[in-house]
Every structure is written in C-alpha cells, then in structure tokens.
Amino acid sequence: PLWKGWDWKVQKNGLRHRVYAVNGDHYL
C-alpha cells in the first residue's frame, strides 16, 4: 500500500534537518 512507503519516508532515523514541534520548539 502507498501509505507504507509514505510512512517509511517520514520515519526519522539518522541525521535530519531542523524538525519543528507544534509549539515552536525545534531540534536539529
């Protein structure tokens, strides 16, 4: 199913760019 591919892409593993939370906090 397409959703599995999409889910795999959004899984965070390894080095990622800046990721924002809803409240404005962010992690790099």
PDB file of all heavy atoms in Angstrom:
ATOM      1  N   PRO A   1       0.831  -1.206   0.000  1.00  0.00           N
ATOM      2  CA  PRO A   1       0.000   0.000   0.000  1.00  0.00           C
ATOM      3  C   PRO A   1       0.866   1.257   0.000  1.00  0.00           C
ATOM      4  O   PRO A   1       1.967   1.272   0.552  1.00  0.00           O
ATOM      5  CB  PRO A   1      -0.796  -0.121   1.304  1.00  0.00           C
ATOM      6  CG  PRO A   1      -0.761  -1.575   1.636  1.00  0.00           C
ATOM      7  CD  PRO A   1       0.546  -2.089   1.131  1.00  0.00           C
ATOM      8  N   LEU A   2       0.378   2.297  -0.625  1.00  0.00           N
ATOM      9  CA  LEU A   2       1.149   3.531  -0.721  1.00  0.00           C
ATOM     10  C   LEU A   2       1.474   4.117   0.646  1.00  0.00           C
ATOM     11  O   LEU A   2       2.531   4.706   0.845  1.00  0.00           O
ATOM     12  CB  LEU A   2       0.373   4.563  -1.552  1.00  0.00           C
ATOM     13  CG  LEU A   2       0.223   4.226  -3.040  1.00  0.00           C
ATOM     14  CD1 LEU A   2      -0.634   5.286  -3.716  1.00  0.00           C
ATOM     15  CD2 LEU A   2       1.592   4.154  -3.704  1.00  0.00           C
ATOM     16  N   TRP A   3       0.572   3.915   1.601  1.00  0.00           N
ATOM     17  CA  TRP A   3       0.787   4.547   2.899  1.00  0.00           C
ATOM     18  C   TRP A   3       2.033   4.017   3.600  1.00  0.00           C
ATOM     19  O   TRP A   3       2.672   4.720   4.378  1.00  0.00           O
ATOM     20  CB  TRP A   3      -0.430   4.360   3.811  1.00  0.00           C
ATOM     21  CG  TRP A   3      -0.702   2.941   4.238  1.00  0.00           C
ATOM     22  CD1 TRP A   3      -1.535   2.055   3.636  1.00  0.00           C
ATOM     23  CD2 TRP A   3      -0.126   2.262   5.361  1.00  0.00           C
ATOM     24  NE1 TRP A   3      -1.538   0.857   4.307  1.00  0.00           N
ATOM     25  CE2 TRP A   3      -0.673   0.957   5.376  1.00  0.00           C
ATOM     26  CE3 TRP A   3       0.786   2.613   6.338  1.00  0.00           C
ATOM     27  CZ2 TRP A   3      -0.329   0.011   6.336  1.00  0.00           C
ATOM     28  CZ3 TRP A   3       1.129   1.668   7.300  1.00  0.00           C
ATOM     29  CH2 TRP A   3       0.567   0.378   7.285  1.00  0.00           C
ATOM     30  N   LYS A   4       2.410   2.748   3.278  1.00  0.00           N
ATOM     31  CA  LYS A   4       3.614   2.203   3.900  1.00  0.00           C
ATOM     32  C   LYS A   4       4.868   2.916   3.403  1.00  0.00           C
ATOM     33  O   LYS A   4       5.795   3.179   4.156  1.00  0.00           O
ATOM     34  CB  LYS A   4       3.713   0.706   3.621  1.00  0.00           C
ATOM     35  CG  LYS A   4       2.739  -0.135   4.443  1.00  0.00           C
ATOM     36  CD  LYS A   4       3.089  -1.611   4.366  1.00  0.00           C
ATOM     37  CE  LYS A   4       2.197  -2.420   5.296  1.00  0.00           C
ATOM     38  NZ  LYS A   4       2.554  -3.852   5.285  1.00  0.00           N
ATOM     39  N   GLY A   5       4.883   3.226   2.147  1.00  0.00           N
ATOM     40  CA  GLY A   5       6.007   3.969   1.600  1.00  0.00           C
ATOM     41  C   GLY A   5       6.082   5.365   2.176  1.00  0.00           C
ATOM     42  O   GLY A   5       7.163   5.860   2.505  1.00  0.00           O
ATOM     43  N   TRP A   6       4.929   5.996   2.272  1.00  0.00           N
ATOM     44  CA  TRP A   6       4.911   7.344   2.853  1.00  0.00           C
ATOM     45  C   TRP A   6       5.349   7.311   4.325  1.00  0.00           C
ATOM     46  O   TRP A   6       6.078   8.183   4.774  1.00  0.00           O
ATOM     47  CB  TRP A   6       3.504   7.936   2.758  1.00  0.00           C
ATOM     48  CG  TRP A   6       3.032   8.129   1.334  1.00  0.00           C
ATOM     49  CD1 TRP A   6       3.792   8.294   0.229  1.00  0.00           C
ATOM     50  CD2 TRP A   6       1.672   8.146   0.895  1.00  0.00           C
ATOM     51  NE1 TRP A   6       3.015   8.425  -0.903  1.00  0.00           N
ATOM     52  CE2 TRP A   6       1.696   8.344  -0.519  1.00  0.00           C
ATOM     53  CE3 TRP A   6       0.434   8.020   1.525  1.00  0.00           C
ATOM     54  CZ2 TRP A   6       0.542   8.415  -1.286  1.00  0.00           C
ATOM     55  CZ3 TRP A   6      -0.720   8.097   0.757  1.00  0.00           C
ATOM     56  CH2 TRP A   6      -0.667   8.294  -0.635  1.00  0.00           C
ATOM     57  N   ASP A   7       4.884   6.282   5.048  1.00  0.00           N
ATOM     58  CA  ASP A   7       5.228   6.167   6.459  1.00  0.00           C
ATOM     59  C   ASP A   7       6.724   5.961   6.627  1.00  0.00           C
ATOM     60  O   ASP A   7       7.341   6.528   7.539  1.00  0.00           O
ATOM     61  CB  ASP A   7       4.462   5.002   7.091  1.00  0.00           C
ATOM     62  CG  ASP A   7       4.703   4.910   8.590  1.00  0.00           C
ATOM     63  OD1 ASP A   7       4.310   5.844   9.299  1.00  0.00           O
ATOM     64  OD2 ASP A   7       5.297   3.915   9.048  1.00  0.00           O
ATOM     65  N   TRP A   8       7.314   5.165   5.740  1.00  0.00           N
ATOM     66  CA  TRP A   8       8.757   4.911   5.829  1.00  0.00           C
ATOM     67  C   TRP A   8       9.544   6.194   5.596  1.00  0.00           C
ATOM     68  O   TRP A   8      10.571   6.447   6.242  1.00  0.00           O
ATOM     69  CB  TRP A   8       9.156   3.852   4.806  1.00  0.00           C
ATOM     70  CG  TRP A   8      10.643   3.553   4.840  1.00  0.00           C
ATOM     71  CD1 TRP A   8      11.288   2.724   5.681  1.00  0.00           C
ATOM     72  CD2 TRP A   8      11.634   4.133   3.993  1.00  0.00           C
ATOM     73  NE1 TRP A   8      12.633   2.723   5.425  1.00  0.00           N
ATOM     74  CE2 TRP A   8      12.881   3.589   4.384  1.00  0.00           C
ATOM     75  CE3 TRP A   8      11.598   5.036   2.945  1.00  0.00           C
ATOM     76  CZ2 TRP A   8      14.071   3.932   3.763  1.00  0.00           C
ATOM     77  CZ3 TRP A   8      12.782   5.385   2.329  1.00  0.00           C
ATOM     78  CH2 TRP A   8      14.002   4.844   2.730  1.00  0.00           C
ATOM     79  N   LYS A   9       9.069   7.033   4.691  1.00  0.00           N
ATOM     80  CA  LYS A   9       9.776   8.282   4.377  1.00  0.00           C
ATOM     81  C   LYS A   9       9.752   9.278   5.533  1.00  0.00           C
ATOM     82  O   LYS A   9      10.675  10.058   5.706  1.00  0.00           O
ATOM     83  CB  LYS A   9       9.172   8.916   3.130  1.00  0.00           C
ATOM     84  CG  LYS A   9       9.475   8.151   1.849  1.00  0.00           C
ATOM     85  CD  LYS A   9       8.866   8.849   0.642  1.00  0.00           C
ATOM     86  CE  LYS A   9       9.172   8.074  -0.644  1.00  0.00           C
ATOM     87  NZ  LYS A   9       8.593   8.741  -1.840  1.00  0.00           N
ATOM     88  N   VAL A  10       8.672   9.236   6.313  1.00  0.00           N
ATOM     89  CA  VAL A  10       8.582  10.210   7.401  1.00  0.00           C
ATOM     90  C   VAL A  10       9.221   9.709   8.686  1.00  0.00           C
ATOM     91  O   VAL A  10       9.342  10.461   9.650  1.00  0.00           O
ATOM     92  CB  VAL A  10       7.107  10.588   7.687  1.00  0.00           C
ATOM     93  CG1 VAL A  10       6.479  11.225   6.475  1.00  0.00           C
ATOM     94  CG2 VAL A  10       6.305   9.381   8.144  1.00  0.00           C
ATOM     95  N   GLN A  11       9.631   8.436   8.725  1.00  0.00           N
ATOM     96  CA  GLN A  11      10.312   7.938   9.906  1.00  0.00           C
ATOM     97  C   GLN A  11      11.650   8.648  10.054  1.00  0.00           C
ATOM     98  O   GLN A  11      12.425   8.771   9.102  1.00  0.00           O
ATOM     99  CB  GLN A  11      10.551   6.429   9.810  1.00  0.00           C
ATOM    100  CG  GLN A  11       9.284   5.594   9.842  1.00  0.00           C
ATOM    101  CD  GLN A  11       8.564   5.722  11.161  1.00  0.00           C
ATOM    102  OE1 GLN A  11       9.180   5.646  12.222  1.00  0.00           O
ATOM    103  NE2 GLN A  11       7.266   5.909  11.100  1.00  0.00           N
ATOM    104  N   LYS A  12      11.919   9.129  11.268  1.00  0.00           N
ATOM    105  CA  LYS A  12      13.140   9.892  11.481  1.00  0.00           C
ATOM    106  C   LYS A  12      14.241   8.965  11.994  1.00  0.00           C
ATOM    107  O   LYS A  12      14.172   8.427  13.090  1.00  0.00           O
ATOM    108  CB  LYS A  12      12.868  11.027  12.474  1.00  0.00           C
ATOM    109  CG  LYS A  12      11.926  12.091  11.918  1.00  0.00           C
ATOM    110  CD  LYS A  12      11.752  13.261  12.862  1.00  0.00           C
ATOM    111  CE  LYS A  12      10.790  12.949  13.994  1.00  0.00           C
ATOM    112  NZ  LYS A  12       9.407  12.810  13.538  1.00  0.00           N
ATOM    113  N   ASN A  13      15.272   8.791  11.162  1.00  0.00           N
ATOM    114  CA  ASN A  13      16.443   8.000  11.508  1.00  0.00           C
ATOM    115  C   ASN A  13      17.664   8.681  10.915  1.00  0.00           C
ATOM    116  O   ASN A  13      17.623   9.179   9.788  1.00  0.00           O
ATOM    117  CB  ASN A  13      16.341   6.573  10.970  1.00  0.00           C
ATOM    118  CG  ASN A  13      15.472   5.680  11.841  1.00  0.00           C
ATOM    119  OD1 ASN A  13      15.844   5.339  12.959  1.00  0.00           O
ATOM    120  ND2 ASN A  13      14.304   5.313  11.330  1.00  0.00           N
ATOM    121  N   GLY A  14      18.756   8.703  11.715  1.00  0.00           N
ATOM    122  CA  GLY A  14      19.960   9.342  11.233  1.00  0.00           C
ATOM    123  C   GLY A  14      19.898  10.857  11.366  1.00  0.00           C
ATOM    124  O   GLY A  14      19.071  11.412  12.086  1.00  0.00           O
ATOM    125  N   LEU A  15      20.773  11.542  10.648  1.00  0.00           N
ATOM    126  CA  LEU A  15      20.834  12.996  10.708  1.00  0.00           C
ATOM    127  C   LEU A  15      19.698  13.610   9.912  1.00  0.00           C
ATOM    128  O   LEU A  15      19.456  13.256   8.763  1.00  0.00           O
ATOM    129  CB  LEU A  15      22.173  13.494  10.172  1.00  0.00           C
ATOM    130  CG  LEU A  15      22.415  15.003  10.217  1.00  0.00           C
ATOM    131  CD1 LEU A  15      22.407  15.498  11.661  1.00  0.00           C
ATOM    132  CD2 LEU A  15      23.738  15.349   9.545  1.00  0.00           C
ATOM    133  N   ARG A  16      18.970  14.532  10.531  1.00  0.00           N
ATOM    134  CA  ARG A  16      17.843  15.190   9.866  1.00  0.00           C
ATOM    135  C   ARG A  16      18.008  16.700   9.958  1.00  0.00           C
ATOM    136  O   ARG A  16      18.729  17.225  10.797  1.00  0.00           O
ATOM    137  CB  ARG A  16      16.517  14.804  10.548  1.00  0.00           C
ATOM    138  CG  ARG A  16      16.232  13.324  10.582  1.00  0.00           C
ATOM    139  CD  ARG A  16      15.667  12.813   9.295  1.00  0.00           C
ATOM    140  NE  ARG A  16      14.343  13.373   9.059  1.00  0.00           N
ATOM    141  CZ  ARG A  16      13.454  12.845   8.221  1.00  0.00           C
ATOM    142  NH1 ARG A  16      13.758  11.763   7.548  1.00  0.00           N
ATOM    143  NH2 ARG A  16      12.274  13.406   8.040  1.00  0.00           N
ATOM    144  N   HIS A  17      17.313  17.376   9.039  1.00  0.00           N
ATOM    145  CA  HIS A  17      17.271  18.825   9.121  1.00  0.00           C
ATOM    146  C   HIS A  17      16.430  19.230  10.326  1.00  0.00           C
ATOM    147  O   HIS A  17      15.858  18.407  11.016  1.00  0.00           O
ATOM    148  CB  HIS A  17      16.698  19.404   7.831  1.00  0.00           C
ATOM    149  CG  HIS A  17      17.582  19.167   6.641  1.00  0.00           C
ATOM    150  ND1 HIS A  17      18.826  19.726   6.519  1.00  0.00           N
ATOM    151  CD2 HIS A  17      17.381  18.421   5.515  1.00  0.00           C
ATOM    152  CE1 HIS A  17      19.371  19.338   5.384  1.00  0.00           C
ATOM    153  NE2 HIS A  17      18.518  18.545   4.750  1.00  0.00           N
ATOM    154  N   ARG A  18      16.331  20.519  10.537  1.00  0.00           N
ATOM    155  CA  ARG A  18      15.590  21.027  11.691  1.00  0.00           C
ATOM    156  C   ARG A  18      14.135  20.552  11.655  1.00  0.00           C
ATOM    157  O   ARG A  18      13.443  20.678  10.661  1.00  0.00           O
ATOM    158  CB  ARG A  18      15.656  22.557  11.710  1.00  0.00           C
ATOM    159  CG  ARG A  18      15.064  23.171  12.961  1.00  0.00           C
ATOM    160  CD  ARG A  18      15.284  24.682  12.991  1.00  0.00           C
ATOM    161  NE  ARG A  18      16.671  25.027  13.253  1.00  0.00           N
ATOM    162  CZ  ARG A  18      17.489  25.573  12.369  1.00  0.00           C
ATOM    163  NH1 ARG A  18      17.055  25.832  11.137  1.00  0.00           N
ATOM    164  NH2 ARG A  18      18.736  25.873  12.685  1.00  0.00           N
ATOM    165  N   VAL A  19      13.699  19.999  12.789  1.00  0.00           N
ATOM    166  CA  VAL A  19      12.331  19.497  12.915  1.00  0.00           C
ATOM    167  C   VAL A  19      11.608  20.347  13.953  1.00  0.00           C
ATOM    168  O   VAL A  19      12.077  20.504  15.081  1.00  0.00           O
ATOM    169  CB  VAL A  19      12.318  18.011  13.339  1.00  0.00           C
ATOM    170  CG1 VAL A  19      10.883  17.538  13.541  1.00  0.00           C
ATOM    171  CG2 VAL A  19      13.020  17.156  12.295  1.00  0.00           C
ATOM    172  N   TYR A  20      10.451  20.894  13.558  1.00  0.00           N
ATOM    173  CA  TYR A  20       9.699  21.784  14.438  1.00  0.00           C
ATOM    174  C   TYR A  20       8.542  21.050  15.106  1.00  0.00           C
ATOM    175  O   TYR A  20       7.914  20.171  14.504  1.00  0.00           O
ATOM    176  CB  TYR A  20       9.141  22.971  13.651  1.00  0.00           C
ATOM    177  CG  TYR A  20      10.172  24.015  13.313  1.00  0.00           C
ATOM    178  CD1 TYR A  20      10.961  23.886  12.171  1.00  0.00           C
ATOM    179  CD2 TYR A  20      10.369  25.124  14.134  1.00  0.00           C
ATOM    180  CE1 TYR A  20      11.916  24.841  11.851  1.00  0.00           C
ATOM    181  CE2 TYR A  20      11.321  26.085  13.820  1.00  0.00           C
ATOM    182  CZ  TYR A  20      12.086  25.929  12.679  1.00  0.00           C
ATOM    183  OH  TYR A  20      13.032  26.883  12.362  1.00  0.00           O
ATOM    184  N   ALA A  21       8.276  21.446  16.349  1.00  0.00           N
ATOM    185  CA  ALA A  21       7.093  20.962  17.063  1.00  0.00           C
ATOM    186  C   ALA A  21       5.973  21.987  16.903  1.00  0.00           C
ATOM    187  O   ALA A  21       6.196  23.120  16.447  1.00  0.00           O
ATOM    188  CB  ALA A  21       7.415  20.753  18.539  1.00  0.00           C
ATOM    189  N   VAL A  22       4.767  21.599  17.278  1.00  0.00           N
ATOM    190  CA  VAL A  22       3.618  22.489  17.130  1.00  0.00           C
ATOM    191  C   VAL A  22       3.796  23.772  17.944  1.00  0.00           C
ATOM    192  O   VAL A  22       3.375  24.857  17.521  1.00  0.00           O
ATOM    193  CB  VAL A  22       2.323  21.756  17.551  1.00  0.00           C
ATOM    194  CG1 VAL A  22       1.123  22.688  17.464  1.00  0.00           C
ATOM    195  CG2 VAL A  22       2.105  20.529  16.681  1.00  0.00           C
ATOM    196  N   ASN A  23       4.422  23.678  19.111  1.00  0.00           N
ATOM    197  CA  ASN A  23       4.574  24.849  19.983  1.00  0.00           C
ATOM    198  C   ASN A  23       5.752  25.747  19.606  1.00  0.00           C
ATOM    199  O   ASN A  23       6.040  26.726  20.277  1.00  0.00           O
ATOM    200  CB  ASN A  23       4.723  24.411  21.439  1.00  0.00           C
ATOM    201  CG  ASN A  23       5.957  23.535  21.652  1.00  0.00           C
ATOM    202  OD1 ASN A  23       6.729  23.282  20.729  1.00  0.00           O
ATOM    203  ND2 ASN A  23       6.128  23.054  22.879  1.00  0.00           N
ATOM    204  N   GLY A  24       6.443  25.406  18.536  1.00  0.00           N
ATOM    205  CA  GLY A  24       7.552  26.237  18.081  1.00  0.00           C
ATOM    206  C   GLY A  24       8.927  25.730  18.477  1.00  0.00           C
ATOM    207  O   GLY A  24       9.939  26.240  17.981  1.00  0.00           O
ATOM    208  N   ASP A  25       9.010  24.758  19.375  1.00  0.00           N
ATOM    209  CA  ASP A  25      10.303  24.160  19.725  1.00  0.00           C
ATOM    210  C   ASP A  25      10.882  23.481  18.490  1.00  0.00           C
ATOM    211  O   ASP A  25      10.130  22.993  17.626  1.00  0.00           O
ATOM    212  CB  ASP A  25      10.136  23.128  20.839  1.00  0.00           C
ATOM    213  CG  ASP A  25       9.601  23.742  22.133  1.00  0.00           C
ATOM    214  OD1 ASP A  25       9.574  24.985  22.228  1.00  0.00           O
ATOM    215  OD2 ASP A  25       9.205  22.961  23.022  1.00  0.00           O
ATOM    216  N   HIS A  26      12.190  23.416  18.397  1.00  0.00           N
ATOM    217  CA  HIS A  26      12.769  22.711  17.254  1.00  0.00           C
ATOM    218  C   HIS A  26      14.056  21.997  17.634  1.00  0.00           C
ATOM    219  O   HIS A  26      14.741  22.371  18.601  1.00  0.00           O
ATOM    220  CB  HIS A  26      13.001  23.643  16.056  1.00  0.00           C
ATOM    221  CG  HIS A  26      13.907  24.788  16.330  1.00  0.00           C
ATOM    222  ND1 HIS A  26      13.458  26.009  16.779  1.00  0.00           N
ATOM    223  CD2 HIS A  26      15.262  24.910  16.214  1.00  0.00           C
ATOM    224  CE1 HIS A  26      14.483  26.837  16.912  1.00  0.00           C
ATOM    225  NE2 HIS A  26      15.582  26.200  16.592  1.00  0.00           N
ATOM    226  N   TYR A  27      14.367  20.981  16.858  1.00  0.00           N
ATOM    227  CA  TYR A  27      15.522  20.122  17.122  1.00  0.00           C
ATOM    228  C   TYR A  27      16.265  19.877  15.820  1.00  0.00           C
ATOM    229  O   TYR A  27      15.669  19.631  14.779  1.00  0.00           O
ATOM    230  CB  TYR A  27      15.060  18.785  17.712  1.00  0.00           C
ATOM    231  CG  TYR A  27      16.157  17.747  17.827  1.00  0.00           C
ATOM    232  CD1 TYR A  27      17.062  17.762  18.884  1.00  0.00           C
ATOM    233  CD2 TYR A  27      16.305  16.750  16.860  1.00  0.00           C
ATOM    234  CE1 TYR A  27      18.068  16.811  18.989  1.00  0.00           C
ATOM    235  CE2 TYR A  27      17.303  15.790  16.957  1.00  0.00           C
ATOM    236  CZ  TYR A  27      18.184  15.829  18.024  1.00  0.00           C
ATOM    237  OH  TYR A  27      19.178  14.892  18.115  1.00  0.00           O
ATOM    238  N   LEU A  28      17.581  19.942  15.915  1.00  0.00           N
ATOM    239  CA  LEU A  28      18.443  19.675  14.772  1.00  0.00           C
ATOM    240  C   LEU A  28      19.497  18.664  15.208  1.00  0.00           C
ATOM    241  O   LEU A  28      20.274  18.928  16.136  1.00  0.00           O
ATOM    242  CB  LEU A  28      19.126  20.961  14.291  1.00  0.00           C
ATOM    243  CG  LEU A  28      20.199  20.803  13.198  1.00  0.00           C
ATOM    244  CD1 LEU A  28      19.577  20.264  11.908  1.00  0.00           C
ATOM    245  CD2 LEU A  28      20.885  22.134  12.935  1.00  0.00           C
TER     246      LEU A  28
END
